[in-house]
């Protein structure tokens, strides 16, 4: 089983900055979903930034969600720097 989402920061460019339960961080581009019915509402930046975490995945107020496995597998992982 893939890690789940532990925190999300929605960005105005319609990407999600994600932190996963294994400590990894990544950026997920939501734009490919916008053409699929219920997800078209996510095109609105004011609505998009209302993303939150529920049950280890990202959700929006009108019950849109993205599979946590998709979020993990398709996010661009960020490299940690040693400061």
PDB file of N, CA and C in Angstrom:
ATOM      1  N   UNK A   1       0.856  -1.185   0.000  1.00  0.00           N
ATOM      2  CA  UNK A   1       0.000   0.000   0.000  1.00  0.00           C
ATOM      3  C   UNK A   1       0.898   1.243   0.000  1.00  0.00           C
ATOM      4  N   UNK A   2       0.542   2.182  -0.825  1.00  0.00           N
ATOM      5  CA  UNK A   2       1.271   3.447  -0.901  1.00  0.00           C
ATOM      6  C   UNK A   2       0.978   4.311   0.320  1.00  0.00           C
ATOM      7  N   UNK A   3       1.895   5.233   0.627  1.00  0.00           N
ATOM      8  CA  UNK A   3       1.635   6.181   1.718  1.00  0.00           C
ATOM      9  C   UNK A   3       0.400   7.024   1.417  1.00  0.00           C
ATOM     10  N   UNK A   4      -0.178   7.550   2.441  1.00  0.00           N
ATOM     11  CA  UNK A   4      -1.334   8.434   2.313  1.00  0.00           C
ATOM     12  C   UNK A   4      -0.883   9.874   2.487  1.00  0.00           C
ATOM     13  N   UNK A   5      -1.773  10.793   2.155  1.00  0.00           N
ATOM     14  CA  UNK A   5      -1.482  12.217   2.258  1.00  0.00           C
ATOM     15  C   UNK A   5      -1.652  12.650   3.709  1.00  0.00           C
ATOM     16  N   UNK A   6      -0.634  13.337   4.232  1.00  0.00           N
ATOM     17  CA  UNK A   6      -0.727  13.840   5.608  1.00  0.00           C
ATOM     18  C   UNK A   6      -0.963  15.349   5.644  1.00  0.00           C
ATOM     19  N   UNK A   7      -0.578  16.065   4.563  1.00  0.00           N
ATOM     20  CA  UNK A   7      -0.893  17.495   4.484  1.00  0.00           C
ATOM     21  C   UNK A   7      -0.934  17.919   3.018  1.00  0.00           C
ATOM     22  N   UNK A   8      -1.715  18.955   2.775  1.00  0.00           N
ATOM     23  CA  UNK A   8      -1.850  19.485   1.421  1.00  0.00           C
ATOM     24  C   UNK A   8      -1.831  21.001   1.468  1.00  0.00           C
ATOM     25  N   UNK A   9      -1.160  21.579   0.479  1.00  0.00           N
ATOM     26  CA  UNK A   9      -1.205  23.018   0.253  1.00  0.00           C
ATOM     27  C   UNK A   9      -1.616  23.217  -1.196  1.00  0.00           C
ATOM     28  N   UNK A  10      -2.841  23.699  -1.433  1.00  0.00           N
ATOM     29  CA  UNK A  10      -3.255  23.976  -2.808  1.00  0.00           C
ATOM     30  C   UNK A  10      -2.609  25.273  -3.298  1.00  0.00           C
ATOM     31  N   UNK A  11      -2.133  25.251  -4.506  1.00  0.00           N
ATOM     32  CA  UNK A  11      -1.454  26.408  -5.096  1.00  0.00           C
ATOM     33  C   UNK A  11      -2.343  27.070  -6.145  1.00  0.00           C
ATOM     34  N   UNK A  12      -2.141  28.350  -6.349  1.00  0.00           N
ATOM     35  CA  UNK A  12      -2.950  29.107  -7.321  1.00  0.00           C
ATOM     36  C   UNK A  12      -2.731  28.647  -8.756  1.00  0.00           C
ATOM     37  N   UNK A  13      -1.632  27.916  -9.006  1.00  0.00           N
ATOM     38  CA  UNK A  13      -1.411  27.387 -10.362  1.00  0.00           C
ATOM     39  C   UNK A  13      -2.120  26.042 -10.563  1.00  0.00           C
ATOM     40  N   UNK A  14      -3.014  25.700  -9.633  1.00  0.00           N
ATOM     41  CA  UNK A  14      -3.845  24.503  -9.679  1.00  0.00           C
ATOM     42  C   UNK A  14      -3.038  23.211  -9.544  1.00  0.00           C
ATOM     43  N   UNK A  15      -1.959  23.305  -8.763  1.00  0.00           N
ATOM     44  CA  UNK A  15      -1.212  22.126  -8.346  1.00  0.00           C
ATOM     45  C   UNK A  15      -1.379  21.978  -6.842  1.00  0.00           C
ATOM     46  N   UNK A  16      -1.060  20.805  -6.364  1.00  0.00           N
ATOM     47  CA  UNK A  16      -1.108  20.526  -4.935  1.00  0.00           C
ATOM     48  C   UNK A  16       0.290  20.216  -4.438  1.00  0.00           C
ATOM     49  N   UNK A  17       0.698  20.882  -3.364  1.00  0.00           N
ATOM     50  CA  UNK A  17       1.927  20.508  -2.669  1.00  0.00           C
ATOM     51  C   UNK A  17       1.497  19.503  -1.607  1.00  0.00           C
ATOM     52  N   UNK A  18       2.066  18.305  -1.665  1.00  0.00           N
ATOM     53  CA  UNK A  18       1.635  17.220  -0.797  1.00  0.00           C
ATOM     54  C   UNK A  18       2.769  16.737   0.096  1.00  0.00           C
ATOM     55  N   UNK A  19       2.425  16.398   1.309  1.00  0.00           N
ATOM     56  CA  UNK A  19       3.333  15.673   2.196  1.00  0.00           C
ATOM     57  C   UNK A  19       2.648  14.338   2.484  1.00  0.00           C
ATOM     58  N   UNK A  20       3.442  13.270   2.401  1.00  0.00           N
ATOM     59  CA  UNK A  20       2.908  11.930   2.584  1.00  0.00           C
ATOM     60  C   UNK A  20       3.312  11.359   3.939  1.00  0.00           C
ATOM     61  N   UNK A  21       2.616  10.315   4.353  1.00  0.00           N
ATOM     62  CA  UNK A  21       2.843   9.729   5.671  1.00  0.00           C
ATOM     63  C   UNK A  21       4.229   9.110   5.818  1.00  0.00           C
ATOM     64  N   UNK A  22       4.935   8.870   4.726  1.00  0.00           N
ATOM     65  CA  UNK A  22       6.301   8.341   4.803  1.00  0.00           C
ATOM     66  C   UNK A  22       7.349   9.457   4.822  1.00  0.00           C
ATOM     67  N   UNK A  23       6.901  10.725   4.865  1.00  0.00           N
ATOM     68  CA  UNK A  23       7.808  11.863   4.912  1.00  0.00           C
ATOM     69  C   UNK A  23       8.156  12.448   3.559  1.00  0.00           C
ATOM     70  N   UNK A  24       7.815  11.754   2.476  1.00  0.00           N
ATOM     71  CA  UNK A  24       8.100  12.295   1.147  1.00  0.00           C
ATOM     72  C   UNK A  24       7.186  13.482   0.862  1.00  0.00           C
ATOM     73  N   UNK A  25       7.661  14.359  -0.034  1.00  0.00           N
ATOM     74  CA  UNK A  25       6.883  15.516  -0.469  1.00  0.00           C
ATOM     75  C   UNK A  25       6.843  15.519  -1.991  1.00  0.00           C
ATOM     76  N   UNK A  26       5.750  16.026  -2.538  1.00  0.00           N
ATOM     77  CA  UNK A  26       5.631  16.075  -3.981  1.00  0.00           C
ATOM     78  C   UNK A  26       4.641  17.129  -4.425  1.00  0.00           C
ATOM     79  N   UNK A  27       4.631  17.349  -5.744  1.00  0.00           N
ATOM     80  CA  UNK A  27       3.699  18.288  -6.360  1.00  0.00           C
ATOM     81  C   UNK A  27       2.869  17.503  -7.362  1.00  0.00           C
ATOM     82  N   UNK A  28       1.559  17.685  -7.284  1.00  0.00           N
ATOM     83  CA  UNK A  28       0.619  16.984  -8.160  1.00  0.00           C
ATOM     84  C   UNK A  28      -0.126  18.003  -9.002  1.00  0.00           C
ATOM     85  N   UNK A  29      -0.092  17.815 -10.312  1.00  0.00           N
ATOM     86  CA  UNK A  29      -0.796  18.688 -11.258  1.00  0.00           C
ATOM     87  C   UNK A  29      -2.205  18.148 -11.469  1.00  0.00           C
ATOM     88  N   UNK A  30      -3.203  18.910 -11.065  1.00  0.00           N
ATOM     89  CA  UNK A  30      -4.600  18.474 -11.175  1.00  0.00           C
ATOM     90  C   UNK A  30      -5.229  18.751 -12.535  1.00  0.00           C
ATOM     91  N   UNK A  31      -4.581  19.543 -13.380  1.00  0.00           N
ATOM     92  CA  UNK A  31      -5.214  19.987 -14.622  1.00  0.00           C
ATOM     93  C   UNK A  31      -5.691  18.856 -15.542  1.00  0.00           C
ATOM     94  N   UNK A  32      -5.052  17.675 -15.597  1.00  0.00           N
ATOM     95  CA  UNK A  32      -5.592  16.620 -16.461  1.00  0.00           C
ATOM     96  C   UNK A  32      -6.983  16.133 -16.047  1.00  0.00           C
ATOM     97  N   UNK A  33      -7.384  16.400 -14.833  1.00  0.00           N
ATOM     98  CA  UNK A  33      -8.695  15.957 -14.350  1.00  0.00           C
ATOM     99  C   UNK A  33      -9.825  16.911 -14.734  1.00  0.00           C
ATOM    100  N   UNK A  34      -9.511  18.129 -15.123  1.00  0.00           N
ATOM    101  CA  UNK A  34     -10.521  19.169 -15.308  1.00  0.00           C
ATOM    102  C   UNK A  34     -11.560  18.857 -16.373  1.00  0.00           C
ATOM    103  N   UNK A  35     -11.267  17.989 -17.292  1.00  0.00           N
ATOM    104  CA  UNK A  35     -12.202  17.654 -18.366  1.00  0.00           C
ATOM    105  C   UNK A  35     -13.166  16.534 -17.974  1.00  0.00           C
ATOM    106  N   UNK A  36     -13.059  16.045 -16.757  1.00  0.00           N
ATOM    107  CA  UNK A  36     -13.859  14.903 -16.319  1.00  0.00           C
ATOM    108  C   UNK A  36     -14.967  15.343 -15.372  1.00  0.00           C
ATOM    109  N   UNK A  37     -16.124  15.634 -15.927  1.00  0.00           N
ATOM    110  CA  UNK A  37     -17.347  15.913 -15.186  1.00  0.00           C
ATOM    111  C   UNK A  37     -17.193  16.653 -13.883  1.00  0.00           C
ATOM    112  N   UNK A  38     -17.266  15.920 -12.792  1.00  0.00           N
ATOM    113  CA  UNK A  38     -17.287  16.502 -11.453  1.00  0.00           C
ATOM    114  C   UNK A  38     -16.026  17.317 -11.154  1.00  0.00           C
ATOM    115  N   UNK A  39     -14.918  17.017 -11.812  1.00  0.00           N
ATOM    116  CA  UNK A  39     -13.676  17.734 -11.550  1.00  0.00           C
ATOM    117  C   UNK A  39     -13.578  19.083 -12.257  1.00  0.00           C
ATOM    118  N   UNK A  40     -14.492  19.377 -13.176  1.00  0.00           N
ATOM    119  CA  UNK A  40     -14.425  20.653 -13.896  1.00  0.00           C
ATOM    120  C   UNK A  40     -14.516  21.845 -12.942  1.00  0.00           C
ATOM    121  N   UNK A  41     -15.157  21.660 -11.823  1.00  0.00           N
ATOM    122  CA  UNK A  41     -15.290  22.719 -10.816  1.00  0.00           C
ATOM    123  C   UNK A  41     -13.931  23.139 -10.238  1.00  0.00           C
ATOM    124  N   UNK A  42     -12.948  22.234 -10.320  1.00  0.00           N
ATOM    125  CA  UNK A  42     -11.621  22.532  -9.760  1.00  0.00           C
ATOM    126  C   UNK A  42     -10.863  23.573 -10.577  1.00  0.00           C
ATOM    127  N   UNK A  43     -11.339  23.901 -11.766  1.00  0.00           N
ATOM    128  CA  UNK A  43     -10.705  24.943 -12.587  1.00  0.00           C
ATOM    129  C   UNK A  43     -10.761  26.314 -11.928  1.00  0.00           C
ATOM    130  N   UNK A  44     -11.740  26.508 -11.079  1.00  0.00           N
ATOM    131  CA  UNK A  44     -11.916  27.792 -10.390  1.00  0.00           C
ATOM    132  C   UNK A  44     -10.896  27.878  -9.250  1.00  0.00           C
ATOM    133  N   UNK A  45      -9.901  28.777  -9.350  1.00  0.00           N
ATOM    134  CA  UNK A  45      -8.865  28.858  -8.311  1.00  0.00           C
ATOM    135  C   UNK A  45      -9.420  29.093  -6.905  1.00  0.00           C
ATOM    136  N   UNK A  46     -10.501  29.847  -6.787  1.00  0.00           N
ATOM    137  CA  UNK A  46     -11.077  30.118  -5.465  1.00  0.00           C
ATOM    138  C   UNK A  46     -11.659  28.841  -4.849  1.00  0.00           C
ATOM    139  N   UNK A  47     -12.192  27.983  -5.691  1.00  0.00           N
ATOM    140  CA  UNK A  47     -12.704  26.702  -5.203  1.00  0.00           C
ATOM    141  C   UNK A  47     -11.549  25.727  -4.968  1.00  0.00           C
ATOM    142  N   UNK A  48     -10.601  25.696  -5.890  1.00  0.00           N
ATOM    143  CA  UNK A  48      -9.485  24.766  -5.816  1.00  0.00           C
ATOM    144  C   UNK A  48      -8.731  24.886  -4.497  1.00  0.00           C
ATOM    145  N   UNK A  49      -8.528  26.105  -4.031  1.00  0.00           N
ATOM    146  CA  UNK A  49      -7.737  26.305  -2.810  1.00  0.00           C
ATOM    147  C   UNK A  49      -8.472  25.862  -1.543  1.00  0.00           C
ATOM    148  N   UNK A  50      -9.690  25.402  -1.693  1.00  0.00           N
ATOM    149  CA  UNK A  50     -10.441  24.891  -0.541  1.00  0.00           C
ATOM    150  C   UNK A  50     -10.151  23.413  -0.269  1.00  0.00           C
ATOM    151  N   UNK A  51      -9.153  22.875  -0.928  1.00  0.00           N
ATOM    152  CA  UNK A  51      -8.769  21.472  -0.727  1.00  0.00           C
ATOM    153  C   UNK A  51      -8.398  21.225   0.734  1.00  0.00           C
ATOM    154  N   UNK A  52      -8.713  20.028   1.198  1.00  0.00           N
ATOM    155  CA  UNK A  52      -8.352  19.630   2.558  1.00  0.00           C
ATOM    156  C   UNK A  52      -8.062  18.123   2.563  1.00  0.00           C
ATOM    157  N   UNK A  53      -7.685  17.617   3.729  1.00  0.00           N
ATOM    158  CA  UNK A  53      -7.369  16.192   3.886  1.00  0.00           C
ATOM    159  C   UNK A  53      -8.509  15.495   4.610  1.00  0.00           C
ATOM    160  N   UNK A  54      -8.872  14.342   4.089  1.00  0.00           N
ATOM    161  CA  UNK A  54      -9.865  13.494   4.758  1.00  0.00           C
ATOM    162  C   UNK A  54      -9.528  12.044   4.428  1.00  0.00           C
ATOM    163  N   UNK A  55      -9.357  11.235   5.423  1.00  0.00           N
ATOM    164  CA  UNK A  55      -9.091   9.820   5.202  1.00  0.00           C
ATOM    165  C   UNK A  55      -7.827   9.534   4.406  1.00  0.00           C
ATOM    166  N   UNK A  56      -6.826  10.387   4.527  1.00  0.00           N
ATOM    167  CA  UNK A  56      -5.562  10.156   3.858  1.00  0.00           C
ATOM    168  C   UNK A  56      -5.498  10.580   2.408  1.00  0.00           C
ATOM    169  N   UNK A  57      -6.503  11.334   1.973  1.00  0.00           N
ATOM    170  CA  UNK A  57      -6.478  11.842   0.605  1.00  0.00           C
ATOM    171  C   UNK A  57      -6.964  13.285   0.572  1.00  0.00           C
ATOM    172  N   UNK A  58      -6.926  13.882  -0.611  1.00  0.00           N
ATOM    173  CA  UNK A  58      -7.338  15.272  -0.792  1.00  0.00           C
ATOM    174  C   UNK A  58      -8.798  15.301  -1.235  1.00  0.00           C
ATOM    175  N   UNK A  59      -9.575  16.169  -0.591  1.00  0.00           N
ATOM    176  CA  UNK A  59     -10.997  16.322  -0.911  1.00  0.00           C
ATOM    177  C   UNK A  59     -11.338  17.801  -1.048  1.00  0.00           C
ATOM    178  N   UNK A  60     -12.474  18.059  -1.716  1.00  0.00           N
ATOM    179  CA  UNK A  60     -13.024  19.403  -1.852  1.00  0.00           C
ATOM    180  C   UNK A  60     -14.456  19.394  -1.334  1.00  0.00           C
ATOM    181  N   UNK A  61     -15.026  20.562  -1.059  1.00  0.00           N
ATOM    182  CA  UNK A  61     -16.344  20.644  -0.417  1.00  0.00           C
ATOM    183  C   UNK A  61     -17.485  19.925  -1.149  1.00  0.00           C
ATOM    184  N   UNK A  62     -17.445  19.870  -2.462  1.00  0.00           N
ATOM    185  CA  UNK A  62     -18.548  19.244  -3.195  1.00  0.00           C
ATOM    186  C   UNK A  62     -18.274  17.774  -3.490  1.00  0.00           C
ATOM    187  N   UNK A  63     -17.504  17.144  -2.602  1.00  0.00           N
ATOM    188  CA  UNK A  63     -17.248  15.709  -2.586  1.00  0.00           C
ATOM    189  C   UNK A  63     -16.328  15.198  -3.694  1.00  0.00           C
ATOM    190  N   UNK A  64     -15.557  16.087  -4.335  1.00  0.00           N
ATOM    191  CA  UNK A  64     -14.530  15.603  -5.242  1.00  0.00           C
ATOM    192  C   UNK A  64     -13.379  15.074  -4.399  1.00  0.00           C
ATOM    193  N   UNK A  65     -12.752  14.020  -4.882  1.00  0.00           N
ATOM    194  CA  UNK A  65     -11.531  13.530  -4.256  1.00  0.00           C
ATOM    195  C   UNK A  65     -10.694  12.832  -5.322  1.00  0.00           C
ATOM    196  N   UNK A  66      -9.425  12.669  -5.020  1.00  0.00           N
ATOM    197  CA  UNK A  66      -8.507  11.979  -5.922  1.00  0.00           C
ATOM    198  C   UNK A  66      -7.905  10.823  -5.145  1.00  0.00           C
ATOM    199  N   UNK A  67      -7.863   9.668  -5.760  1.00  0.00           N
ATOM    200  CA  UNK A  67      -7.343   8.469  -5.120  1.00  0.00           C
ATOM    201  C   UNK A  67      -5.954   8.742  -4.533  1.00  0.00           C
ATOM    202  N   UNK A  68      -5.735   8.381  -3.275  1.00  0.00           N
ATOM    203  CA  UNK A  68      -4.429   8.642  -2.671  1.00  0.00           C
ATOM    204  C   UNK A  68      -3.284   7.922  -3.383  1.00  0.00           C
ATOM    205  N   UNK A  69      -3.558   6.775  -3.982  1.00  0.00           N
ATOM    206  CA  UNK A  69      -2.519   6.083  -4.747  1.00  0.00           C
ATOM    207  C   UNK A  69      -2.120   6.893  -5.976  1.00  0.00           C
ATOM    208  N   UNK A  70      -3.097   7.495  -6.641  1.00  0.00           N
ATOM    209  CA  UNK A  70      -2.820   8.355  -7.801  1.00  0.00           C
ATOM    210  C   UNK A  70      -2.001   9.563  -7.367  1.00  0.00           C
ATOM    211  N   UNK A  71      -2.384  10.167  -6.260  1.00  0.00           N
ATOM    212  CA  UNK A  71      -1.644  11.333  -5.762  1.00  0.00           C
ATOM    213  C   UNK A  71      -0.186  10.978  -5.495  1.00  0.00           C
ATOM    214  N   UNK A  72       0.040   9.814  -4.898  1.00  0.00           N
ATOM    215  CA  UNK A  72       1.408   9.416  -4.579  1.00  0.00           C
ATOM    216  C   UNK A  72       2.182   9.036  -5.845  1.00  0.00           C
ATOM    217  N   UNK A  73       1.611   8.175  -6.656  1.00  0.00           N
ATOM    218  CA  UNK A  73       2.319   7.645  -7.818  1.00  0.00           C
ATOM    219  C   UNK A  73       2.578   8.700  -8.888  1.00  0.00           C
ATOM    220  N   UNK A  74       1.664   9.648  -9.055  1.00  0.00           N
ATOM    221  CA  UNK A  74       1.782  10.625 -10.143  1.00  0.00           C
ATOM    222  C   UNK A  74       2.333  11.982  -9.704  1.00  0.00           C
ATOM    223  N   UNK A  75       2.629  12.138  -8.431  1.00  0.00           N
ATOM    224  CA  UNK A  75       3.215  13.412  -8.006  1.00  0.00           C
ATOM    225  C   UNK A  75       4.702  13.432  -8.336  1.00  0.00           C
ATOM    226  N   UNK A  76       5.195  14.628  -8.622  1.00  0.00           N
ATOM    227  CA  UNK A  76       6.620  14.824  -8.845  1.00  0.00           C
ATOM    228  C   UNK A  76       7.251  14.980  -7.470  1.00  0.00           C
ATOM    229  N   UNK A  77       8.074  14.016  -7.089  1.00  0.00           N
ATOM    230  CA  UNK A  77       8.659  14.020  -5.749  1.00  0.00           C
ATOM    231  C   UNK A  77       9.736  15.094  -5.661  1.00  0.00           C
ATOM    232  N   UNK A  78       9.777  15.761  -4.526  1.00  0.00           N
ATOM    233  CA  UNK A  78      10.750  16.797  -4.265  1.00  0.00           C
ATOM    234  C   UNK A  78      11.925  16.212  -3.503  1.00  0.00           C
ATOM    235  N   UNK A  79      13.096  16.602  -3.878  1.00  0.00           N
ATOM    236  CA  UNK A  79      14.306  16.132  -3.202  1.00  0.00           C
ATOM    237  C   UNK A  79      14.502  16.927  -1.919  1.00  0.00           C
ATOM    238  N   UNK A  80      14.821  16.237  -0.869  1.00  0.00           N
ATOM    239  CA  UNK A  80      15.131  16.922   0.392  1.00  0.00           C
ATOM    240  C   UNK A  80      16.562  17.381   0.353  1.00  0.00           C
ATOM    241  N   UNK A  81      16.782  18.573   0.863  1.00  0.00           N
ATOM    242  CA  UNK A  81      18.145  19.111   0.931  1.00  0.00           C
ATOM    243  C   UNK A  81      18.628  19.049   2.369  1.00  0.00           C
ATOM    244  N   UNK A  82      19.885  18.757   2.532  1.00  0.00           N
ATOM    245  CA  UNK A  82      20.480  18.741   3.867  1.00  0.00           C
ATOM    246  C   UNK A  82      21.035  20.124   4.165  1.00  0.00           C
ATOM    247  N   UNK A  83      20.403  20.793   5.101  1.00  0.00           N
ATOM    248  CA  UNK A  83      20.835  22.157   5.437  1.00  0.00           C
ATOM    249  C   UNK A  83      21.797  22.150   6.603  1.00  0.00           C
TER     250      UNK A  83
END
